[in-house]
Amino acid sequence: TTDPGTGTKSAALDAFGRLRVSNPFTLFDSSHRYADNDLWATATGGTGNATFNASRGLVDLNISTGSGSYVYRETKKVFDYQPGKSLLTMNTFTMSPPQTNLVQRVGYFGSENGIFIEQSGSQLSLVKRTHFNGSLTETKIPKSEWNGDKLNGSGYSQYNLDITKSQILWSDMEW
């Protein structure tokens, strides 16, 4: 969030611009150290499958290049919105290299609302999905249009984002 006094980004402020003065309270934590836990629902189609990878302690989501193949994984836990409180989510992920007709998404979202990072073909975007008055809207911001640091090696972080390496998506949001 941007500090209204200085105009600079600050992790010390929540999504409402208020100073963080307490420790985060964990609502959900999931790891796959020894097995695929029972906290996730999985849906597959075509050649899609989700396979526990014991040597890496994670679940691999695999599809072929055939049309109609998919794997969806979402938590079984529901997280209710609490008015006036910001929500901080951290998602750890590694995506496959970009491919034509391959869409990969990670974030805090469902079929009607949420925020996520999406790799669709060669296009990496941040996406906000909203459902209001019976209409679904997705606002996609391609990486080339990100304000501030574009994570292409030329910004203030000098970091070049490579989604094929392990990443943590940090989302601080208010609805």
Protein backbone atom coordinates (compact mmCIF):
# COMPACT_ATOMS: atom_id res chain seq x y z
CA THR A 1 0.00 0.00 0.00
CA THR A 2 1.16 3.57 -0.66
CA ASP A 3 1.92 5.75 2.36
CA PRO A 4 -0.32 8.83 1.88
CA GLY A 5 2.26 11.06 3.61
CA THR A 6 5.25 10.12 1.45
CA GLY A 7 3.69 8.50 -1.63
CA THR A 8 6.02 5.50 -1.29
CA LYS A 9 5.09 1.82 -1.06
CA SER A 10 5.15 0.38 2.44
CA ALA A 11 4.51 -3.12 3.79
CA ALA A 12 3.94 -1.43 7.16
CA LEU A 13 0.50 -0.31 5.92
CA ASP A 14 -2.52 -2.50 5.25
CA ALA A 15 -4.79 -2.23 2.20
CA PHE A 16 -6.69 0.63 3.88
CA GLY A 17 -3.49 2.63 4.49
CA ARG A 18 -3.54 1.90 8.23
CA LEU A 19 -0.37 1.09 10.12
CA ARG A 20 0.07 -2.62 10.80
CA VAL A 21 0.46 -2.82 14.57
CA SER A 22 -0.31 -6.46 15.23
CA ASN A 23 0.93 -9.83 14.11
CA PRO A 24 -0.97 -11.59 11.32
CA PHE A 25 -3.55 -14.16 12.36
CA THR A 26 -3.36 -17.27 10.20
CA LEU A 27 -6.78 -18.42 8.96
CA PHE A 28 -5.46 -21.17 6.69
CA ASP A 29 -2.14 -22.92 6.21
CA SER A 30 -1.57 -25.90 3.98
CA SER A 31 1.52 -27.93 3.30
CA HIS A 32 2.11 -31.27 1.62
CA ARG A 33 5.13 -32.52 3.49
CA TYR A 34 4.27 -36.23 3.54
CA ALA A 35 1.02 -36.54 1.56
CA ASP A 36 -1.65 -34.59 -0.25
CA ASN A 37 -3.71 -33.32 2.69
CA ASP A 38 -7.51 -33.35 2.72
CA LEU A 39 -7.85 -29.55 2.57
CA TRP A 40 -8.22 -29.24 -1.21
CA ALA A 41 -10.86 -30.17 -3.77
CA THR A 42 -9.55 -31.25 -7.17
CA ALA A 43 -11.41 -31.27 -10.48
CA THR A 44 -9.89 -32.61 -13.69
CA GLY A 45 -10.91 -32.98 -17.30
CA GLY A 46 -9.37 -34.49 -20.40
CA THR A 47 -5.88 -35.69 -19.54
CA GLY A 48 -5.56 -33.46 -16.45
CA ASN A 49 -4.33 -34.96 -13.18
CA ALA A 50 -3.01 -33.88 -9.79
CA THR A 51 -0.19 -36.05 -8.43
CA PHE A 52 1.50 -35.86 -5.03
CA ASN A 53 5.27 -35.48 -5.44
CA ALA A 54 6.82 -37.06 -2.31
CA SER A 55 10.39 -35.99 -3.07
CA ARG A 56 9.39 -32.31 -3.28
CA GLY A 57 6.46 -32.24 -0.82
CA LEU A 58 4.02 -30.73 -3.30
CA VAL A 59 1.24 -31.54 -5.73
CA ASP A 60 2.05 -31.44 -9.45
CA LEU A 61 -0.83 -30.34 -11.69
CA ASN A 62 -0.40 -31.86 -15.15
CA ILE A 63 -2.26 -31.52 -18.44
CA SER A 64 -1.52 -32.40 -22.05
CA THR A 65 -1.67 -29.96 -24.94
CA GLY A 66 -5.01 -31.44 -25.99
CA SER A 67 -8.08 -29.23 -25.98
CA GLY A 68 -10.31 -29.54 -22.92
CA SER A 69 -7.63 -30.68 -20.47
CA TYR A 70 -7.66 -28.94 -17.08
CA VAL A 71 -6.86 -29.27 -13.39
CA TYR A 72 -8.52 -27.05 -10.76
CA ARG A 73 -7.47 -27.13 -7.11
CA GLU A 74 -9.20 -25.00 -4.52
CA THR A 75 -9.41 -25.08 -0.77
CA LYS A 76 -12.47 -26.59 0.84
CA LYS A 77 -12.37 -23.82 3.47
CA VAL A 78 -14.44 -20.69 2.90
CA PHE A 79 -13.00 -17.34 3.98
CA ASP A 80 -15.68 -14.79 4.79
CA TYR A 81 -15.12 -11.11 4.15
CA GLN A 82 -14.90 -9.07 7.34
CA PRO A 83 -15.88 -5.43 6.68
CA GLY A 84 -13.19 -2.88 7.51
CA LYS A 85 -10.41 -5.45 7.67
CA SER A 86 -7.81 -5.99 5.00
CA LEU A 87 -6.91 -9.50 3.91
CA LEU A 88 -3.33 -10.59 3.33
CA THR A 89 -2.78 -13.77 1.32
CA MET A 90 0.49 -15.41 0.39
CA ASN A 91 0.51 -18.11 -2.29
CA THR A 92 3.65 -20.10 -3.04
CA PHE A 93 3.81 -21.47 -6.57
CA THR A 94 5.92 -22.48 -9.55
CA MET A 95 4.38 -22.32 -13.02
CA SER A 96 5.27 -24.22 -16.16
CA PRO A 97 6.95 -22.31 -18.99
CA PRO A 98 4.46 -20.30 -21.09
CA GLN A 99 2.81 -22.28 -23.89
CA THR A 100 0.17 -21.52 -26.50
CA ASN A 101 -3.34 -22.40 -25.21
CA LEU A 102 -2.07 -22.96 -21.63
CA VAL A 103 -3.65 -20.81 -18.89
CA GLN A 104 -2.16 -20.96 -15.38
CA ARG A 105 -3.62 -19.04 -12.41
CA VAL A 106 -2.62 -18.65 -8.76
CA GLY A 107 -4.26 -16.47 -6.14
CA TYR A 108 -7.28 -15.88 -3.96
CA PHE A 109 -10.27 -16.32 -6.26
CA GLY A 110 -13.32 -18.32 -7.20
CA SER A 111 -15.65 -18.37 -10.17
CA GLU A 112 -17.11 -14.93 -9.36
CA ASN A 113 -14.60 -12.86 -7.36
CA GLY A 114 -10.93 -12.63 -6.49
CA ILE A 115 -7.45 -11.57 -7.39
CA PHE A 116 -4.83 -13.72 -9.10
CA ILE A 117 -1.78 -13.81 -11.31
CA GLU A 118 -2.42 -15.40 -14.70
CA GLN A 119 -0.06 -16.73 -17.35
CA SER A 120 -2.06 -17.14 -20.57
CA GLY A 121 0.16 -18.11 -23.47
CA SER A 122 3.03 -15.63 -23.32
CA GLN A 123 1.00 -12.94 -21.47
CA LEU A 124 1.53 -12.55 -17.69
CA SER A 125 -1.16 -10.42 -15.98
CA LEU A 126 -2.59 -9.50 -12.62
CA VAL A 127 -6.35 -10.04 -12.70
CA LYS A 128 -9.18 -8.78 -10.50
CA ARG A 129 -12.44 -10.69 -10.99
CA THR A 130 -15.73 -9.22 -9.73
CA HIS A 131 -19.35 -10.26 -9.99
CA PHE A 132 -21.79 -7.39 -9.57
CA ASN A 133 -25.45 -7.05 -10.56
CA GLY A 134 -25.35 -10.35 -12.47
CA SER A 135 -22.31 -9.42 -14.53
CA LEU A 136 -18.83 -10.95 -14.32
CA THR A 137 -15.93 -8.58 -15.00
CA GLU A 138 -12.23 -9.38 -15.19
CA THR A 139 -9.80 -6.48 -15.11
CA LYS A 140 -6.49 -7.75 -16.53
CA ILE A 141 -3.33 -5.73 -16.15
CA PRO A 142 -0.54 -7.13 -18.36
CA LYS A 143 2.97 -7.12 -16.88
CA SER A 144 4.01 -4.52 -19.47
CA GLU A 145 1.47 -2.08 -17.94
CA TRP A 146 2.29 -2.65 -14.26
CA ASN A 147 2.94 0.63 -12.50
CA GLY A 148 6.00 0.99 -10.33
CA ASP A 149 8.39 -1.92 -10.70
CA LYS A 150 7.56 -4.07 -13.75
CA LEU A 151 9.81 -6.88 -12.42
CA ASN A 152 11.71 -6.94 -15.71
CA GLY A 153 15.14 -6.16 -14.23
CA SER A 154 14.97 -2.41 -14.93
CA GLY A 155 12.88 -1.29 -11.92
CA TYR A 156 13.93 -0.27 -8.42
CA SER A 157 14.19 -3.91 -7.26
CA GLN A 158 16.33 -4.90 -10.27
CA TYR A 159 14.38 -8.20 -10.04
CA ASN A 160 13.42 -10.07 -13.20
CA LEU A 161 10.34 -12.20 -12.47
CA ASP A 162 10.65 -15.80 -13.66
CA ILE A 163 7.41 -17.64 -12.86
CA THR A 164 9.05 -20.98 -13.67
CA LYS A 165 11.00 -20.55 -10.40
CA SER A 166 9.39 -20.73 -6.95
CA GLN A 167 7.53 -17.50 -6.14
CA ILE A 168 5.35 -16.08 -3.39
CA LEU A 169 2.35 -14.01 -4.51
CA TRP A 170 1.64 -11.49 -1.73
CA SER A 171 -1.83 -9.91 -2.01
CA ASP A 172 -3.05 -7.28 0.46
CA MET A 173 -6.61 -6.39 -0.45
CA GLU A 174 -9.82 -4.77 0.60
CA TRP A 175 -13.05 -5.38 -1.26
